[in-house]
């Protein structure tokens, strides 16, 4: 599933998220324009500015859930994306509407909900109800 990220045949990058030396989850990033069908589907619901990236993430071990580490992961991964990709203008994240933990973590990390509507689900047992969250790079002047 992540082989293309590892061997460079996919335009996304995957990272293991660790806390105190223990693997706690996974984070993935890519430029939205690298996946035109994905971009076009999201663009039916929300504006996708040039230079937009997307992230995905998960917290793995059951005992790691519910401690705020998802929010911490999103904040750290967002900061790394801004640092590694100076051309990234915004980050957009589609989230299944029933995944309250995920969209609450995004909100706590500073993302704002910009749209709601149908998107093809990652998991075929899910409905197509999604929210789209967005965070724009803060531009410093002066």
N, C-alpha and C. Protein backbone atom coordinates (compact mmCIF):
# COMPACT_ATOMS: atom_id res chain seq x y z
N UNK A 1 0.81 -1.18 0.00
CA UNK A 1 0.00 0.00 0.00
C UNK A 1 0.86 1.26 0.00
N UNK A 2 1.98 1.27 0.72
CA UNK A 2 2.84 2.43 0.76
C UNK A 2 4.14 2.23 -0.01
N UNK A 3 4.22 1.14 -0.75
CA UNK A 3 5.43 0.84 -1.51
C UNK A 3 5.83 1.94 -2.46
N UNK A 4 4.86 2.56 -3.13
CA UNK A 4 5.15 3.63 -4.07
C UNK A 4 5.75 4.86 -3.40
N UNK A 5 5.37 5.10 -2.14
CA UNK A 5 5.97 6.21 -1.39
C UNK A 5 7.44 5.91 -1.10
N UNK A 6 7.71 4.65 -0.83
CA UNK A 6 9.07 4.25 -0.47
C UNK A 6 9.99 4.21 -1.69
N UNK A 7 9.50 3.65 -2.81
CA UNK A 7 10.38 3.51 -3.97
C UNK A 7 10.32 4.71 -4.92
N UNK A 8 9.53 5.73 -4.59
CA UNK A 8 9.51 6.95 -5.38
C UNK A 8 8.60 6.93 -6.59
N UNK A 9 7.79 5.87 -6.75
CA UNK A 9 6.89 5.82 -7.91
C UNK A 9 5.58 6.56 -7.64
N UNK A 10 5.33 6.92 -6.41
CA UNK A 10 4.15 7.72 -6.04
C UNK A 10 4.62 9.12 -5.65
N UNK A 11 3.85 10.15 -5.98
CA UNK A 11 4.26 11.51 -5.64
C UNK A 11 3.88 11.92 -4.21
N UNK A 12 3.80 10.96 -3.31
CA UNK A 12 3.51 11.27 -1.92
C UNK A 12 4.65 10.75 -1.06
N UNK A 13 4.68 11.25 0.16
CA UNK A 13 5.70 10.84 1.11
C UNK A 13 5.02 10.37 2.38
N UNK A 14 5.50 9.27 2.93
CA UNK A 14 4.95 8.72 4.17
C UNK A 14 6.00 8.76 5.26
N UNK A 15 5.56 9.02 6.48
CA UNK A 15 6.43 9.14 7.63
C UNK A 15 5.85 8.33 8.79
N UNK A 16 6.73 7.73 9.57
CA UNK A 16 6.30 7.09 10.81
C UNK A 16 6.30 8.17 11.89
N UNK A 17 5.23 8.26 12.62
CA UNK A 17 5.13 9.22 13.72
C UNK A 17 5.53 8.49 15.00
N UNK A 18 6.47 9.08 15.73
CA UNK A 18 6.96 8.46 16.96
C UNK A 18 6.87 9.44 18.12
N UNK A 19 6.71 8.89 19.29
CA UNK A 19 6.69 9.68 20.52
C UNK A 19 7.51 8.92 21.54
N UNK A 20 8.51 9.58 22.08
CA UNK A 20 9.42 8.96 23.06
C UNK A 20 9.99 7.64 22.53
N UNK A 21 10.34 7.62 21.25
CA UNK A 21 10.96 6.45 20.64
C UNK A 21 10.01 5.33 20.26
N UNK A 22 8.72 5.53 20.47
CA UNK A 22 7.72 4.50 20.15
C UNK A 22 6.90 4.92 18.94
N UNK A 23 6.78 4.04 17.97
CA UNK A 23 5.94 4.33 16.80
C UNK A 23 4.50 4.50 17.27
N UNK A 24 3.90 5.64 16.90
CA UNK A 24 2.54 5.95 17.35
C UNK A 24 1.56 6.09 16.20
N UNK A 25 2.07 6.16 14.97
CA UNK A 25 1.16 6.34 13.86
C UNK A 25 1.90 6.60 12.57
N UNK A 26 1.16 7.16 11.65
CA UNK A 26 1.68 7.40 10.31
C UNK A 26 1.18 8.75 9.83
N UNK A 27 1.99 9.43 9.06
CA UNK A 27 1.59 10.67 8.42
C UNK A 27 2.04 10.62 6.97
N UNK A 28 1.22 11.18 6.09
CA UNK A 28 1.50 11.16 4.66
C UNK A 28 1.18 12.53 4.09
N UNK A 29 1.95 12.95 3.06
CA UNK A 29 1.70 14.24 2.43
C UNK A 29 1.93 14.15 0.93
N UNK A 30 1.26 15.04 0.21
CA UNK A 30 1.45 15.14 -1.24
C UNK A 30 0.85 16.46 -1.72
N UNK A 31 1.32 16.90 -2.86
CA UNK A 31 0.71 18.04 -3.53
C UNK A 31 -0.58 17.55 -4.17
N UNK A 32 -1.64 18.29 -4.00
CA UNK A 32 -2.95 17.89 -4.51
C UNK A 32 -2.93 17.77 -6.04
N UNK A 33 -2.20 18.64 -6.72
CA UNK A 33 -2.14 18.60 -8.18
C UNK A 33 -1.50 17.32 -8.72
N UNK A 34 -0.78 16.58 -7.88
CA UNK A 34 -0.16 15.33 -8.31
C UNK A 34 -1.21 14.24 -8.57
N UNK A 35 -2.42 14.45 -8.05
CA UNK A 35 -3.51 13.49 -8.22
C UNK A 35 -4.71 14.24 -8.81
N UNK A 36 -4.76 14.44 -10.13
CA UNK A 36 -5.79 15.29 -10.75
C UNK A 36 -7.23 14.86 -10.46
N UNK A 37 -7.52 13.57 -10.44
CA UNK A 37 -8.90 13.13 -10.16
C UNK A 37 -9.30 13.51 -8.74
N UNK A 38 -8.40 13.31 -7.80
CA UNK A 38 -8.61 13.66 -6.39
C UNK A 38 -8.85 15.17 -6.28
N UNK A 39 -8.00 15.95 -6.95
CA UNK A 39 -8.12 17.40 -6.91
C UNK A 39 -9.46 17.84 -7.50
N UNK A 40 -9.81 17.31 -8.65
CA UNK A 40 -11.05 17.70 -9.31
C UNK A 40 -12.28 17.35 -8.49
N UNK A 41 -12.25 16.20 -7.82
CA UNK A 41 -13.39 15.82 -6.98
C UNK A 41 -13.54 16.79 -5.81
N UNK A 42 -12.44 17.12 -5.14
CA UNK A 42 -12.52 18.07 -4.02
C UNK A 42 -12.90 19.46 -4.49
N UNK A 43 -12.47 19.83 -5.70
CA UNK A 43 -12.76 21.16 -6.23
C UNK A 43 -14.25 21.37 -6.50
N UNK A 44 -15.03 20.28 -6.55
CA UNK A 44 -16.48 20.44 -6.69
C UNK A 44 -17.10 20.99 -5.41
N UNK A 45 -16.36 20.87 -4.30
CA UNK A 45 -16.87 21.32 -3.00
C UNK A 45 -16.16 22.55 -2.45
N UNK A 46 -14.88 22.71 -2.78
CA UNK A 46 -14.09 23.78 -2.16
C UNK A 46 -13.05 24.30 -3.14
N UNK A 47 -12.67 25.56 -2.93
CA UNK A 47 -11.59 26.14 -3.71
C UNK A 47 -10.28 25.44 -3.36
N UNK A 48 -9.51 25.11 -4.38
CA UNK A 48 -8.21 24.48 -4.18
C UNK A 48 -7.16 25.45 -4.76
N UNK A 49 -6.54 26.27 -3.93
CA UNK A 49 -5.56 27.23 -4.45
C UNK A 49 -4.35 26.52 -5.06
N UNK A 50 -3.67 27.21 -5.97
CA UNK A 50 -2.41 26.69 -6.51
C UNK A 50 -1.45 26.48 -5.35
N UNK A 51 -0.67 25.43 -5.43
CA UNK A 51 0.30 25.14 -4.37
C UNK A 51 -0.29 24.47 -3.15
N UNK A 52 -1.46 23.87 -3.29
CA UNK A 52 -2.10 23.20 -2.16
C UNK A 52 -1.55 21.79 -1.97
N UNK A 53 -1.30 21.44 -0.73
CA UNK A 53 -0.90 20.09 -0.36
C UNK A 53 -2.03 19.45 0.42
N UNK A 54 -1.92 18.15 0.63
CA UNK A 54 -2.87 17.43 1.47
C UNK A 54 -2.09 16.51 2.39
N UNK A 55 -2.65 16.27 3.55
CA UNK A 55 -2.03 15.34 4.50
C UNK A 55 -3.05 14.28 4.89
N UNK A 56 -2.52 13.17 5.34
CA UNK A 56 -3.32 12.11 5.94
C UNK A 56 -2.53 11.62 7.14
N UNK A 57 -3.19 11.03 8.10
CA UNK A 57 -2.53 10.68 9.35
C UNK A 57 -3.37 9.63 10.07
N UNK A 58 -2.73 8.93 10.96
CA UNK A 58 -3.45 8.03 11.86
C UNK A 58 -2.61 7.81 13.10
N UNK A 59 -3.31 7.59 14.19
CA UNK A 59 -2.67 7.19 15.44
C UNK A 59 -2.96 5.71 15.57
N UNK A 60 -1.92 4.92 15.79
CA UNK A 60 -2.07 3.48 15.69
C UNK A 60 -2.43 2.71 16.94
N UNK A 61 -1.56 2.62 17.93
CA UNK A 61 -1.86 1.77 19.08
C UNK A 61 -3.10 2.27 19.83
N UNK A 62 -3.93 1.37 20.23
CA UNK A 62 -5.17 1.72 20.92
C UNK A 62 -4.90 2.56 22.17
N UNK A 63 -3.83 2.25 22.90
CA UNK A 63 -3.55 3.00 24.12
C UNK A 63 -3.03 4.41 23.85
N UNK A 64 -2.79 4.75 22.59
CA UNK A 64 -2.32 6.09 22.24
C UNK A 64 -3.47 7.02 21.86
N UNK A 65 -4.64 6.47 21.71
CA UNK A 65 -5.80 7.25 21.27
C UNK A 65 -6.42 7.98 22.46
N UNK A 66 -6.84 9.21 22.23
CA UNK A 66 -7.53 9.97 23.27
C UNK A 66 -6.63 10.79 24.17
N UNK A 67 -5.37 10.98 23.78
CA UNK A 67 -4.43 11.76 24.59
C UNK A 67 -4.02 13.07 23.93
N UNK A 68 -4.65 13.41 22.80
CA UNK A 68 -4.30 14.64 22.10
C UNK A 68 -3.11 14.49 21.17
N UNK A 69 -2.61 13.29 21.00
CA UNK A 69 -1.43 13.09 20.17
C UNK A 69 -1.75 13.25 18.69
N UNK A 70 -3.00 13.04 18.29
CA UNK A 70 -3.38 13.28 16.90
C UNK A 70 -3.22 14.76 16.56
N UNK A 71 -3.69 15.62 17.46
CA UNK A 71 -3.53 17.06 17.26
C UNK A 71 -2.05 17.43 17.24
N UNK A 72 -1.29 16.86 18.15
CA UNK A 72 0.15 17.13 18.20
C UNK A 72 0.82 16.68 16.90
N UNK A 73 0.43 15.51 16.41
CA UNK A 73 0.98 15.01 15.14
C UNK A 73 0.64 15.96 14.00
N UNK A 74 -0.61 16.38 13.91
CA UNK A 74 -1.03 17.27 12.83
C UNK A 74 -0.25 18.59 12.90
N UNK A 75 -0.10 19.16 14.08
CA UNK A 75 0.64 20.43 14.22
C UNK A 75 2.09 20.26 13.79
N UNK A 76 2.74 19.19 14.27
CA UNK A 76 4.15 18.97 13.94
C UNK A 76 4.32 18.68 12.45
N UNK A 77 3.43 17.89 11.90
CA UNK A 77 3.55 17.53 10.49
C UNK A 77 3.27 18.74 9.59
N UNK A 78 2.33 19.57 9.99
CA UNK A 78 2.05 20.80 9.26
C UNK A 78 3.28 21.72 9.28
N UNK A 79 3.89 21.89 10.43
CA UNK A 79 5.09 22.73 10.54
C UNK A 79 6.21 22.18 9.65
N UNK A 80 6.33 20.86 9.63
CA UNK A 80 7.37 20.26 8.78
C UNK A 80 7.06 20.48 7.30
N UNK A 81 5.80 20.35 6.92
CA UNK A 81 5.43 20.58 5.52
C UNK A 81 5.76 22.02 5.13
N UNK A 82 5.41 22.99 5.97
CA UNK A 82 5.71 24.38 5.66
C UNK A 82 7.22 24.57 5.50
N UNK A 83 8.01 23.94 6.38
CA UNK A 83 9.46 24.07 6.33
C UNK A 83 10.05 23.41 5.09
N UNK A 84 9.59 22.19 4.78
CA UNK A 84 10.15 21.42 3.66
C UNK A 84 9.68 21.91 2.30
N UNK A 85 8.52 22.53 2.23
CA UNK A 85 7.95 22.92 0.94
C UNK A 85 7.56 24.40 0.98
N UNK A 86 8.52 25.31 0.74
CA UNK A 86 8.21 26.73 0.82
C UNK A 86 7.17 27.19 -0.19
N UNK A 87 6.92 26.41 -1.24
CA UNK A 87 5.91 26.77 -2.23
C UNK A 87 4.50 26.35 -1.86
N UNK A 88 4.36 25.60 -0.79
CA UNK A 88 3.03 25.16 -0.37
C UNK A 88 2.25 26.36 0.18
N UNK A 89 1.09 26.63 -0.42
CA UNK A 89 0.29 27.79 -0.02
C UNK A 89 -0.76 27.43 1.02
N UNK A 90 -1.26 26.21 0.96
CA UNK A 90 -2.29 25.77 1.89
C UNK A 90 -2.27 24.26 1.99
N UNK A 91 -2.95 23.77 3.01
CA UNK A 91 -3.11 22.33 3.22
C UNK A 91 -4.59 22.07 3.30
N UNK A 92 -5.05 21.09 2.56
CA UNK A 92 -6.47 20.75 2.54
C UNK A 92 -6.59 19.27 2.93
N UNK A 93 -7.59 18.97 3.76
CA UNK A 93 -7.76 17.61 4.27
C UNK A 93 -9.23 17.22 4.20
N UNK A 94 -9.57 16.23 3.37
CA UNK A 94 -10.94 15.70 3.41
C UNK A 94 -11.05 14.69 4.54
N UNK A 95 -12.14 14.78 5.29
CA UNK A 95 -12.35 13.90 6.45
C UNK A 95 -13.76 13.34 6.39
N UNK A 96 -13.89 12.04 6.63
CA UNK A 96 -15.22 11.46 6.68
C UNK A 96 -16.01 12.15 7.79
N UNK A 97 -17.24 12.53 7.50
CA UNK A 97 -18.06 13.31 8.44
C UNK A 97 -18.27 12.62 9.78
N UNK A 98 -18.24 11.30 9.80
CA UNK A 98 -18.46 10.58 11.06
C UNK A 98 -17.18 10.40 11.87
N UNK A 99 -16.04 10.85 11.34
CA UNK A 99 -14.77 10.70 12.04
C UNK A 99 -14.53 11.92 12.93
N UNK A 100 -15.32 12.01 14.00
CA UNK A 100 -15.27 13.16 14.89
C UNK A 100 -13.88 13.40 15.46
N UNK A 101 -13.19 12.36 15.85
CA UNK A 101 -11.86 12.52 16.44
C UNK A 101 -10.92 13.21 15.46
N UNK A 102 -11.00 12.84 14.20
CA UNK A 102 -10.11 13.41 13.20
C UNK A 102 -10.43 14.88 12.95
N UNK A 103 -11.70 15.20 12.74
CA UNK A 103 -11.97 16.60 12.45
C UNK A 103 -11.84 17.48 13.68
N UNK A 104 -12.02 16.94 14.87
CA UNK A 104 -11.75 17.73 16.09
C UNK A 104 -10.26 18.00 16.22
N UNK A 105 -9.43 17.00 15.90
CA UNK A 105 -7.97 17.19 15.96
C UNK A 105 -7.54 18.25 14.96
N UNK A 106 -8.10 18.24 13.76
CA UNK A 106 -7.78 19.26 12.77
C UNK A 106 -8.16 20.65 13.27
N UNK A 107 -9.33 20.77 13.87
CA UNK A 107 -9.78 22.07 14.38
C UNK A 107 -8.85 22.55 15.49
N UNK A 108 -8.45 21.65 16.39
CA UNK A 108 -7.54 22.04 17.47
C UNK A 108 -6.17 22.43 16.92
N UNK A 109 -5.81 21.91 15.75
CA UNK A 109 -4.52 22.23 15.13
C UNK A 109 -4.61 23.49 14.27
N UNK A 110 -5.77 24.15 14.22
CA UNK A 110 -5.90 25.41 13.51
C UNK A 110 -6.57 25.33 12.15
N UNK A 111 -6.93 24.14 11.70
CA UNK A 111 -7.63 24.01 10.41
C UNK A 111 -9.07 24.49 10.57
N UNK A 112 -9.64 24.97 9.48
CA UNK A 112 -11.04 25.39 9.50
C UNK A 112 -11.82 24.60 8.46
N UNK A 113 -13.06 24.31 8.79
CA UNK A 113 -13.93 23.60 7.86
C UNK A 113 -14.36 24.57 6.77
N UNK A 114 -14.13 24.18 5.51
CA UNK A 114 -14.47 25.06 4.40
C UNK A 114 -15.57 24.48 3.51
N UNK A 115 -15.89 23.21 3.69
CA UNK A 115 -16.93 22.61 2.84
C UNK A 115 -17.43 21.31 3.46
N UNK A 116 -18.59 20.90 2.99
CA UNK A 116 -19.18 19.61 3.35
C UNK A 116 -19.89 19.08 2.13
N UNK A 117 -19.79 17.79 1.90
CA UNK A 117 -20.48 17.21 0.76
C UNK A 117 -19.95 15.83 0.41
N UNK A 118 -20.42 15.30 -0.70
CA UNK A 118 -20.05 13.94 -1.07
C UNK A 118 -18.67 13.85 -1.73
N UNK A 119 -17.87 12.90 -1.24
CA UNK A 119 -16.59 12.53 -1.84
C UNK A 119 -16.47 11.02 -1.80
N UNK A 120 -15.74 10.46 -2.72
CA UNK A 120 -15.51 9.02 -2.73
C UNK A 120 -14.77 8.63 -1.45
N UNK A 121 -15.31 7.72 -0.66
CA UNK A 121 -14.65 7.36 0.61
C UNK A 121 -13.41 6.49 0.38
N UNK A 122 -12.44 6.64 1.28
CA UNK A 122 -11.26 5.76 1.26
C UNK A 122 -11.66 4.33 1.62
N UNK A 123 -12.56 4.22 2.58
CA UNK A 123 -13.03 2.93 3.05
C UNK A 123 -14.39 2.65 2.42
N UNK A 124 -14.53 1.56 1.68
CA UNK A 124 -15.80 1.30 0.97
C UNK A 124 -17.01 1.09 1.88
N UNK A 125 -16.80 0.89 3.17
CA UNK A 125 -17.96 0.74 4.07
C UNK A 125 -18.47 2.09 4.56
N UNK A 126 -17.70 3.16 4.31
CA UNK A 126 -18.12 4.49 4.73
C UNK A 126 -19.09 5.10 3.72
N UNK A 127 -19.87 6.05 4.19
CA UNK A 127 -20.73 6.84 3.29
C UNK A 127 -19.85 7.84 2.54
N UNK A 128 -20.45 8.59 1.63
CA UNK A 128 -19.67 9.59 0.90
C UNK A 128 -19.71 10.97 1.58
N UNK A 129 -20.26 11.06 2.79
CA UNK A 129 -20.35 12.32 3.52
C UNK A 129 -18.99 12.73 4.07
N UNK A 130 -18.50 13.88 3.63
CA UNK A 130 -17.19 14.35 4.06
C UNK A 130 -17.23 15.84 4.41
N UNK A 131 -16.24 16.22 5.21
CA UNK A 131 -15.93 17.62 5.45
C UNK A 131 -14.57 17.88 4.81
N UNK A 132 -14.36 19.09 4.38
CA UNK A 132 -13.04 19.49 3.90
C UNK A 132 -12.52 20.58 4.83
N UNK A 133 -11.32 20.35 5.33
CA UNK A 133 -10.65 21.30 6.21
C UNK A 133 -9.47 21.92 5.48
N UNK A 134 -9.16 23.17 5.84
CA UNK A 134 -8.06 23.88 5.17
C UNK A 134 -7.31 24.74 6.15
N UNK A 135 -6.01 24.81 5.94
CA UNK A 135 -5.13 25.70 6.69
C UNK A 135 -4.25 26.41 5.67
N UNK A 136 -4.20 27.73 5.74
CA UNK A 136 -3.37 28.51 4.83
C UNK A 136 -2.08 28.89 5.52
N UNK A 137 -1.00 28.94 4.72
CA UNK A 137 0.29 29.36 5.24
C UNK A 137 0.17 30.83 5.69
N UNK A 138 0.70 31.12 6.85
CA UNK A 138 0.73 32.50 7.33
C UNK A 138 1.90 33.19 6.64
N UNK A 139 1.61 34.26 5.96
CA UNK A 139 2.65 35.02 5.26
C UNK A 139 3.12 36.15 6.16
N UNK A 140 4.40 36.24 6.33
CA UNK A 140 4.98 37.31 7.14
C UNK A 140 5.40 38.46 6.21
N UNK A 141 5.08 39.67 6.61
CA UNK A 141 5.49 40.82 5.83
C UNK A 141 6.41 41.68 6.68
N UNK A 142 7.26 42.44 6.00
CA UNK A 142 8.14 43.39 6.70
C UNK A 142 9.44 42.83 7.13
